[in-house]
Amino acid sequence: MGNDSAFAEKTFHMLSGDDNISESTVLCIELTSLIDEISLPITIKHCTLDELATNIQVLAKELFKQLNLTNPG
């Protein structure tokens, strides 16, 4: 998601999913931070296939909005 941690955290919290594992949540998405070239997990969301599809739409929309706001020309 780039170097903007506030944008990454805000966008991650928009995603569907649950903090806890259940039988229906077969996938997970992690928010990580790169510190001294080491990827450290910050939080995780467990999601279903339908939630993953929705999350991909949210991520694409928010990333395109962010890119258009930072590079308008």
PDB file of N, CA and C in Angstrom:
ATOM      1  N   MET A   1       0.828  -1.186   0.000  1.00  0.00           N
ATOM      2  CA  MET A   1       0.000   0.000   0.000  1.00  0.00           C
ATOM      3  C   MET A   1       0.872   1.248   0.000  1.00  0.00           C
ATOM      4  N   GLY A   2       2.173   1.082   0.003  1.00  0.00           N
ATOM      5  CA  GLY A   2       3.046   2.234  -0.061  1.00  0.00           C
ATOM      6  C   GLY A   2       3.585   2.653   1.286  1.00  0.00           C
ATOM      7  N   ASN A   3       4.109   3.871   1.316  1.00  0.00           N
ATOM      8  CA  ASN A   3       4.768   4.383   2.516  1.00  0.00           C
ATOM      9  C   ASN A   3       3.846   5.172   3.434  1.00  0.00           C
ATOM     10  N   ASP A   4       2.612   5.369   3.050  1.00  0.00           N
ATOM     11  CA  ASP A   4       1.669   6.154   3.845  1.00  0.00           C
ATOM     12  C   ASP A   4       0.943   5.238   4.827  1.00  0.00           C
ATOM     13  N   SER A   5       1.471   5.134   6.044  1.00  0.00           N
ATOM     14  CA  SER A   5       0.904   4.195   7.013  1.00  0.00           C
ATOM     15  C   SER A   5      -0.508   4.585   7.435  1.00  0.00           C
ATOM     16  N   ALA A   6      -0.813   5.876   7.500  1.00  0.00           N
ATOM     17  CA  ALA A   6      -2.166   6.311   7.866  1.00  0.00           C
ATOM     18  C   ALA A   6      -3.170   5.859   6.807  1.00  0.00           C
ATOM     19  N   PHE A   7      -2.817   6.014   5.539  1.00  0.00           N
ATOM     20  CA  PHE A   7      -3.678   5.566   4.444  1.00  0.00           C
ATOM     21  C   PHE A   7      -3.854   4.050   4.486  1.00  0.00           C
ATOM     22  N   ALA A   8      -2.772   3.320   4.716  1.00  0.00           N
ATOM     23  CA  ALA A   8      -2.830   1.865   4.765  1.00  0.00           C
ATOM     24  C   ALA A   8      -3.725   1.394   5.912  1.00  0.00           C
ATOM     25  N   GLU A   9      -3.572   1.972   7.084  1.00  0.00           N
ATOM     26  CA  GLU A   9      -4.391   1.566   8.232  1.00  0.00           C
ATOM     27  C   GLU A   9      -5.860   1.916   8.021  1.00  0.00           C
ATOM     28  N   LYS A  10      -6.127   3.119   7.499  1.00  0.00           N
ATOM     29  CA  LYS A  10      -7.511   3.529   7.242  1.00  0.00           C
ATOM     30  C   LYS A  10      -8.167   2.588   6.233  1.00  0.00           C
ATOM     31  N   THR A  11      -7.459   2.272   5.174  1.00  0.00           N
ATOM     32  CA  THR A  11      -7.997   1.394   4.136  1.00  0.00           C
ATOM     33  C   THR A  11      -8.179  -0.028   4.674  1.00  0.00           C
ATOM     34  N   PHE A  12      -7.225  -0.510   5.448  1.00  0.00           N
ATOM     35  CA  PHE A  12      -7.327  -1.859   5.998  1.00  0.00           C
ATOM     36  C   PHE A  12      -8.567  -1.999   6.877  1.00  0.00           C
ATOM     37  N   HIS A  13      -8.877  -0.964   7.646  1.00  0.00           N
ATOM     38  CA  HIS A  13     -10.037  -1.022   8.531  1.00  0.00           C
ATOM     39  C   HIS A  13     -11.361  -0.927   7.773  1.00  0.00           C
ATOM     40  N   MET A  14     -11.316  -0.583   6.497  1.00  0.00           N
ATOM     41  CA  MET A  14     -12.510  -0.569   5.656  1.00  0.00           C
ATOM     42  C   MET A  14     -12.848  -1.976   5.145  1.00  0.00           C
ATOM     43  N   LEU A  15     -11.914  -2.898   5.255  1.00  0.00           N
ATOM     44  CA  LEU A  15     -12.087  -4.226   4.678  1.00  0.00           C
ATOM     45  C   LEU A  15     -13.037  -5.079   5.504  1.00  0.00           C
ATOM     46  N   SER A  16     -13.701  -5.994   4.810  1.00  0.00           N
ATOM     47  CA  SER A  16     -14.591  -6.951   5.471  1.00  0.00           C
ATOM     48  C   SER A  16     -13.763  -8.082   6.054  1.00  0.00           C
ATOM     49  N   GLY A  17     -14.286  -8.681   7.090  1.00  0.00           N
ATOM     50  CA  GLY A  17     -13.600  -9.811   7.694  1.00  0.00           C
ATOM     51  C   GLY A  17     -13.741  -9.774   9.199  1.00  0.00           C
ATOM     52  N   ASP A  18     -13.081 -10.712   9.846  1.00  0.00           N
ATOM     53  CA  ASP A  18     -13.191 -10.865  11.291  1.00  0.00           C
ATOM     54  C   ASP A  18     -11.800 -11.013  11.884  1.00  0.00           C
ATOM     55  N   ASP A  19     -11.653 -10.567  13.111  1.00  0.00           N
ATOM     56  CA  ASP A  19     -10.378 -10.718  13.806  1.00  0.00           C
ATOM     57  C   ASP A  19     -10.134 -12.162  14.236  1.00  0.00           C
ATOM     58  N   ASN A  20     -11.200 -12.943  14.344  1.00  0.00           N
ATOM     59  CA  ASN A  20     -11.098 -14.319  14.826  1.00  0.00           C
ATOM     60  C   ASN A  20     -11.311 -15.319  13.704  1.00  0.00           C
ATOM     61  N   ILE A  21     -10.640 -16.446  13.813  1.00  0.00           N
ATOM     62  CA  ILE A  21     -10.788 -17.523  12.834  1.00  0.00           C
ATOM     63  C   ILE A  21     -12.101 -18.263  13.097  1.00  0.00           C
ATOM     64  N   SER A  22     -12.800 -18.594  12.014  1.00  0.00           N
ATOM     65  CA  SER A  22     -13.986 -19.442  12.129  1.00  0.00           C
ATOM     66  C   SER A  22     -13.959 -20.448  10.982  1.00  0.00           C
ATOM     67  N   GLU A  23     -14.921 -21.348  10.961  1.00  0.00           N
ATOM     68  CA  GLU A  23     -14.967 -22.361   9.913  1.00  0.00           C
ATOM     69  C   GLU A  23     -15.197 -21.757   8.531  1.00  0.00           C
ATOM     70  N   SER A  24     -15.874 -20.621   8.473  1.00  0.00           N
ATOM     71  CA  SER A  24     -16.191 -20.012   7.177  1.00  0.00           C
ATOM     72  C   SER A  24     -15.092 -19.072   6.677  1.00  0.00           C
ATOM     73  N   THR A  25     -14.186 -18.667   7.544  1.00  0.00           N
ATOM     74  CA  THR A  25     -13.130 -17.738   7.138  1.00  0.00           C
ATOM     75  C   THR A  25     -11.876 -18.527   6.790  1.00  0.00           C
ATOM     76  N   VAL A  26     -11.742 -18.807   5.499  1.00  0.00           N
ATOM     77  CA  VAL A  26     -10.660 -19.671   5.030  1.00  0.00           C
ATOM     78  C   VAL A  26      -9.433 -18.906   4.549  1.00  0.00           C
ATOM     79  N   LEU A  27      -9.553 -17.595   4.441  1.00  0.00           N
ATOM     80  CA  LEU A  27      -8.453 -16.765   3.946  1.00  0.00           C
ATOM     81  C   LEU A  27      -8.132 -15.680   4.957  1.00  0.00           C
ATOM     82  N   CYS A  28      -6.933 -15.108   4.847  1.00  0.00           N
ATOM     83  CA  CYS A  28      -6.606 -13.994   5.726  1.00  0.00           C
ATOM     84  C   CYS A  28      -5.827 -12.930   4.957  1.00  0.00           C
ATOM     85  N   ILE A  29      -5.992 -11.708   5.422  1.00  0.00           N
ATOM     86  CA  ILE A  29      -5.280 -10.557   4.875  1.00  0.00           C
ATOM     87  C   ILE A  29      -4.541  -9.914   6.040  1.00  0.00           C
ATOM     88  N   GLU A  30      -3.260  -9.653   5.858  1.00  0.00           N
ATOM     89  CA  GLU A  30      -2.453  -9.059   6.924  1.00  0.00           C
ATOM     90  C   GLU A  30      -2.066  -7.635   6.573  1.00  0.00           C
ATOM     91  N   LEU A  31      -2.081  -6.782   7.566  1.00  0.00           N
ATOM     92  CA  LEU A  31      -1.490  -5.454   7.457  1.00  0.00           C
ATOM     93  C   LEU A  31      -0.125  -5.566   8.114  1.00  0.00           C
ATOM     94  N   THR A  32       0.916  -5.287   7.354  1.00  0.00           N
ATOM     95  CA  THR A  32       2.273  -5.404   7.872  1.00  0.00           C
ATOM     96  C   THR A  32       3.006  -4.080   7.754  1.00  0.00           C
ATOM     97  N   SER A  33       4.079  -3.982   8.491  1.00  0.00           N
ATOM     98  CA  SER A  33       4.938  -2.811   8.438  1.00  0.00           C
ATOM     99  C   SER A  33       6.363  -3.289   8.189  1.00  0.00           C
ATOM    100  N   LEU A  34       7.074  -2.578   7.339  1.00  0.00           N
ATOM    101  CA  LEU A  34       8.449  -2.936   7.026  1.00  0.00           C
ATOM    102  C   LEU A  34       9.381  -2.088   7.885  1.00  0.00           C
ATOM    103  N   ILE A  35      10.082  -2.750   8.809  1.00  0.00           N
ATOM    104  CA  ILE A  35      11.015  -2.059   9.702  1.00  0.00           C
ATOM    105  C   ILE A  35      12.381  -2.720   9.556  1.00  0.00           C
ATOM    106  N   ASP A  36      13.356  -1.933   9.154  1.00  0.00           N
ATOM    107  CA  ASP A  36      14.718  -2.454   8.920  1.00  0.00           C
ATOM    108  C   ASP A  36      14.693  -3.676   8.006  1.00  0.00           C
ATOM    109  N   GLU A  37      13.908  -3.570   6.919  1.00  0.00           N
ATOM    110  CA  GLU A  37      13.771  -4.612   5.899  1.00  0.00           C
ATOM    111  C   GLU A  37      13.165  -5.909   6.428  1.00  0.00           C
ATOM    112  N   ILE A  38      12.486  -5.842   7.582  1.00  0.00           N
ATOM    113  CA  ILE A  38      11.798  -6.997   8.141  1.00  0.00           C
ATOM    114  C   ILE A  38      10.301  -6.691   8.165  1.00  0.00           C
ATOM    115  N   SER A  39       9.508  -7.585   7.591  1.00  0.00           N
ATOM    116  CA  SER A  39       8.060  -7.409   7.548  1.00  0.00           C
ATOM    117  C   SER A  39       7.451  -7.874   8.868  1.00  0.00           C
ATOM    118  N   LEU A  40       6.831  -6.943   9.586  1.00  0.00           N
ATOM    119  CA  LEU A  40       6.224  -7.247  10.877  1.00  0.00           C
ATOM    120  C   LEU A  40       4.705  -7.115  10.782  1.00  0.00           C
ATOM    121  N   PRO A  41       3.969  -8.141  11.216  1.00  0.00           N
ATOM    122  CA  PRO A  41       2.503  -8.061  11.164  1.00  0.00           C
ATOM    123  C   PRO A  41       1.956  -7.070  12.185  1.00  0.00           C
ATOM    124  N   ILE A  42       0.982  -6.268  11.754  1.00  0.00           N
ATOM    125  CA  ILE A  42       0.321  -5.312  12.648  1.00  0.00           C
ATOM    126  C   ILE A  42      -1.037  -5.857  13.067  1.00  0.00           C
ATOM    127  N   THR A  43      -1.812  -6.298  12.084  1.00  0.00           N
ATOM    128  CA  THR A  43      -3.129  -6.877  12.361  1.00  0.00           C
ATOM    129  C   THR A  43      -3.516  -7.796  11.208  1.00  0.00           C
ATOM    130  N   ILE A  44      -4.551  -8.583  11.438  1.00  0.00           N
ATOM    131  CA  ILE A  44      -4.977  -9.570  10.449  1.00  0.00           C
ATOM    132  C   ILE A  44      -6.501  -9.613  10.408  1.00  0.00           C
ATOM    133  N   LYS A  45      -7.038  -9.863   9.210  1.00  0.00           N
ATOM    134  CA  LYS A  45      -8.478 -10.080   9.043  1.00  0.00           C
ATOM    135  C   LYS A  45      -8.667 -11.432   8.370  1.00  0.00           C
ATOM    136  N   HIS A  46      -9.534 -12.243   8.936  1.00  0.00           N
ATOM    137  CA  HIS A  46      -9.889 -13.533   8.358  1.00  0.00           C
ATOM    138  C   HIS A  46     -11.176 -13.325   7.562  1.00  0.00           C
ATOM    139  N   CYS A  47     -11.215 -13.869   6.339  1.00  0.00           N
ATOM    140  CA  CYS A  47     -12.380 -13.598   5.500  1.00  0.00           C
ATOM    141  C   CYS A  47     -12.780 -14.805   4.660  1.00  0.00           C
ATOM    142  N   THR A  48     -14.012 -14.722   4.186  1.00  0.00           N
ATOM    143  CA  THR A  48     -14.548 -15.727   3.276  1.00  0.00           C
ATOM    144  C   THR A  48     -14.172 -15.339   1.851  1.00  0.00           C
ATOM    145  N   LEU A  49     -14.471 -16.203   0.901  1.00  0.00           N
ATOM    146  CA  LEU A  49     -14.195 -15.872  -0.506  1.00  0.00           C
ATOM    147  C   LEU A  49     -14.996 -14.654  -0.952  1.00  0.00           C
ATOM    148  N   ASP A  50     -16.250 -14.556  -0.526  1.00  0.00           N
ATOM    149  CA  ASP A  50     -17.073 -13.402  -0.893  1.00  0.00           C
ATOM    150  C   ASP A  50     -16.499 -12.111  -0.290  1.00  0.00           C
ATOM    151  N   GLU A  51     -16.057 -12.185   0.959  1.00  0.00           N
ATOM    152  CA  GLU A  51     -15.455 -11.005   1.586  1.00  0.00           C
ATOM    153  C   GLU A  51     -14.151 -10.634   0.895  1.00  0.00           C
ATOM    154  N   LEU A  52     -13.377 -11.625   0.469  1.00  0.00           N
ATOM    155  CA  LEU A  52     -12.140 -11.345  -0.260  1.00  0.00           C
ATOM    156  C   LEU A  52     -12.431 -10.594  -1.552  1.00  0.00           C
ATOM    157  N   ALA A  53     -13.473 -11.021  -2.279  1.00  0.00           N
ATOM    158  CA  ALA A  53     -13.852 -10.337  -3.514  1.00  0.00           C
ATOM    159  C   ALA A  53     -14.206  -8.879  -3.239  1.00  0.00           C
ATOM    160  N   THR A  54     -14.965  -8.642  -2.184  1.00  0.00           N
ATOM    161  CA  THR A  54     -15.327  -7.275  -1.798  1.00  0.00           C
ATOM    162  C   THR A  54     -14.084  -6.494  -1.403  1.00  0.00           C
ATOM    163  N   ASN A  55     -13.183  -7.123  -0.664  1.00  0.00           N
ATOM    164  CA  ASN A  55     -11.963  -6.453  -0.217  1.00  0.00           C
ATOM    165  C   ASN A  55     -11.069  -6.041  -1.384  1.00  0.00           C
ATOM    166  N   ILE A  56     -11.006  -6.880  -2.398  1.00  0.00           N
ATOM    167  CA  ILE A  56     -10.207  -6.537  -3.580  1.00  0.00           C
ATOM    168  C   ILE A  56     -10.792  -5.306  -4.263  1.00  0.00           C
ATOM    169  N   GLN A  57     -12.122  -5.218  -4.326  1.00  0.00           N
ATOM    170  CA  GLN A  57     -12.765  -4.039  -4.907  1.00  0.00           C
ATOM    171  C   GLN A  57     -12.446  -2.786  -4.085  1.00  0.00           C
ATOM    172  N   VAL A  58     -12.533  -2.903  -2.772  1.00  0.00           N
ATOM    173  CA  VAL A  58     -12.236  -1.768  -1.889  1.00  0.00           C
ATOM    174  C   VAL A  58     -10.785  -1.326  -2.068  1.00  0.00           C
ATOM    175  N   LEU A  59      -9.863  -2.284  -2.069  1.00  0.00           N
ATOM    176  CA  LEU A  59      -8.440  -1.948  -2.221  1.00  0.00           C
ATOM    177  C   LEU A  59      -8.168  -1.262  -3.559  1.00  0.00           C
ATOM    178  N   ALA A  60      -8.723  -1.805  -4.639  1.00  0.00           N
ATOM    179  CA  ALA A  60      -8.512  -1.203  -5.963  1.00  0.00           C
ATOM    180  C   ALA A  60      -9.062   0.218  -5.999  1.00  0.00           C
ATOM    181  N   LYS A  61     -10.277   0.420  -5.488  1.00  0.00           N
ATOM    182  CA  LYS A  61     -10.904   1.744  -5.493  1.00  0.00           C
ATOM    183  C   LYS A  61     -10.080   2.747  -4.685  1.00  0.00           C
ATOM    184  N   GLU A  62      -9.689   2.364  -3.476  1.00  0.00           N
ATOM    185  CA  GLU A  62      -8.946   3.286  -2.609  1.00  0.00           C
ATOM    186  C   GLU A  62      -7.556   3.586  -3.153  1.00  0.00           C
ATOM    187  N   LEU A  63      -6.890   2.582  -3.738  1.00  0.00           N
ATOM    188  CA  LEU A  63      -5.566   2.820  -4.317  1.00  0.00           C
ATOM    189  C   LEU A  63      -5.641   3.749  -5.520  1.00  0.00           C
ATOM    190  N   PHE A  64      -6.639   3.558  -6.388  1.00  0.00           N
ATOM    191  CA  PHE A  64      -6.796   4.443  -7.532  1.00  0.00           C
ATOM    192  C   PHE A  64      -7.123   5.871  -7.085  1.00  0.00           C
ATOM    193  N   LYS A  65      -7.986   6.015  -6.060  1.00  0.00           N
ATOM    194  CA  LYS A  65      -8.270   7.348  -5.537  1.00  0.00           C
ATOM    195  C   LYS A  65      -7.004   7.997  -4.996  1.00  0.00           C
ATOM    196  N   GLN A  66      -6.223   7.240  -4.238  1.00  0.00           N
ATOM    197  CA  GLN A  66      -4.984   7.768  -3.653  1.00  0.00           C
ATOM    198  C   GLN A  66      -3.998   8.182  -4.743  1.00  0.00           C
ATOM    199  N   LEU A  67      -3.851   7.356  -5.767  1.00  0.00           N
ATOM    200  CA  LEU A  67      -2.924   7.682  -6.849  1.00  0.00           C
ATOM    201  C   LEU A  67      -3.381   8.917  -7.620  1.00  0.00           C
ATOM    202  N   ASN A  68      -4.669   9.061  -7.833  1.00  0.00           N
ATOM    203  CA  ASN A  68      -5.168  10.221  -8.566  1.00  0.00           C
ATOM    204  C   ASN A  68      -5.068  11.499  -7.730  1.00  0.00           C
ATOM    205  N   LEU A  69      -5.159  11.402  -6.416  1.00  0.00           N
ATOM    206  CA  LEU A  69      -5.024  12.585  -5.558  1.00  0.00           C
ATOM    207  C   LEU A  69      -3.566  13.017  -5.440  1.00  0.00           C
ATOM    208  N   THR A  70      -2.628  12.052  -5.428  1.00  0.00           N
ATOM    209  CA  THR A  70      -1.222  12.403  -5.274  1.00  0.00           C
ATOM    210  C   THR A  70      -0.546  12.720  -6.606  1.00  0.00           C
ATOM    211  N   ASN A  71      -1.104  12.235  -7.718  1.00  0.00           N
ATOM    212  CA  ASN A  71      -0.543  12.482  -9.061  1.00  0.00           C
ATOM    213  C   ASN A  71      -1.657  12.921  -9.999  1.00  0.00           C
ATOM    214  N   PRO A  72      -2.252  14.116  -9.796  1.00  0.00           N
ATOM    215  CA  PRO A  72      -3.436  14.493 -10.563  1.00  0.00           C
ATOM    216  C   PRO A  72      -3.190  14.750 -12.040  1.00  0.00           C
ATOM    217  N   GLY A  73      -1.989  14.894 -12.482  1.00  0.00           N
ATOM    218  CA  GLY A  73      -1.762  15.256 -13.868  1.00  0.00           C
ATOM    219  C   GLY A  73      -1.311  14.135 -14.675  1.00  0.00           C
TER     220      GLY A  73
END
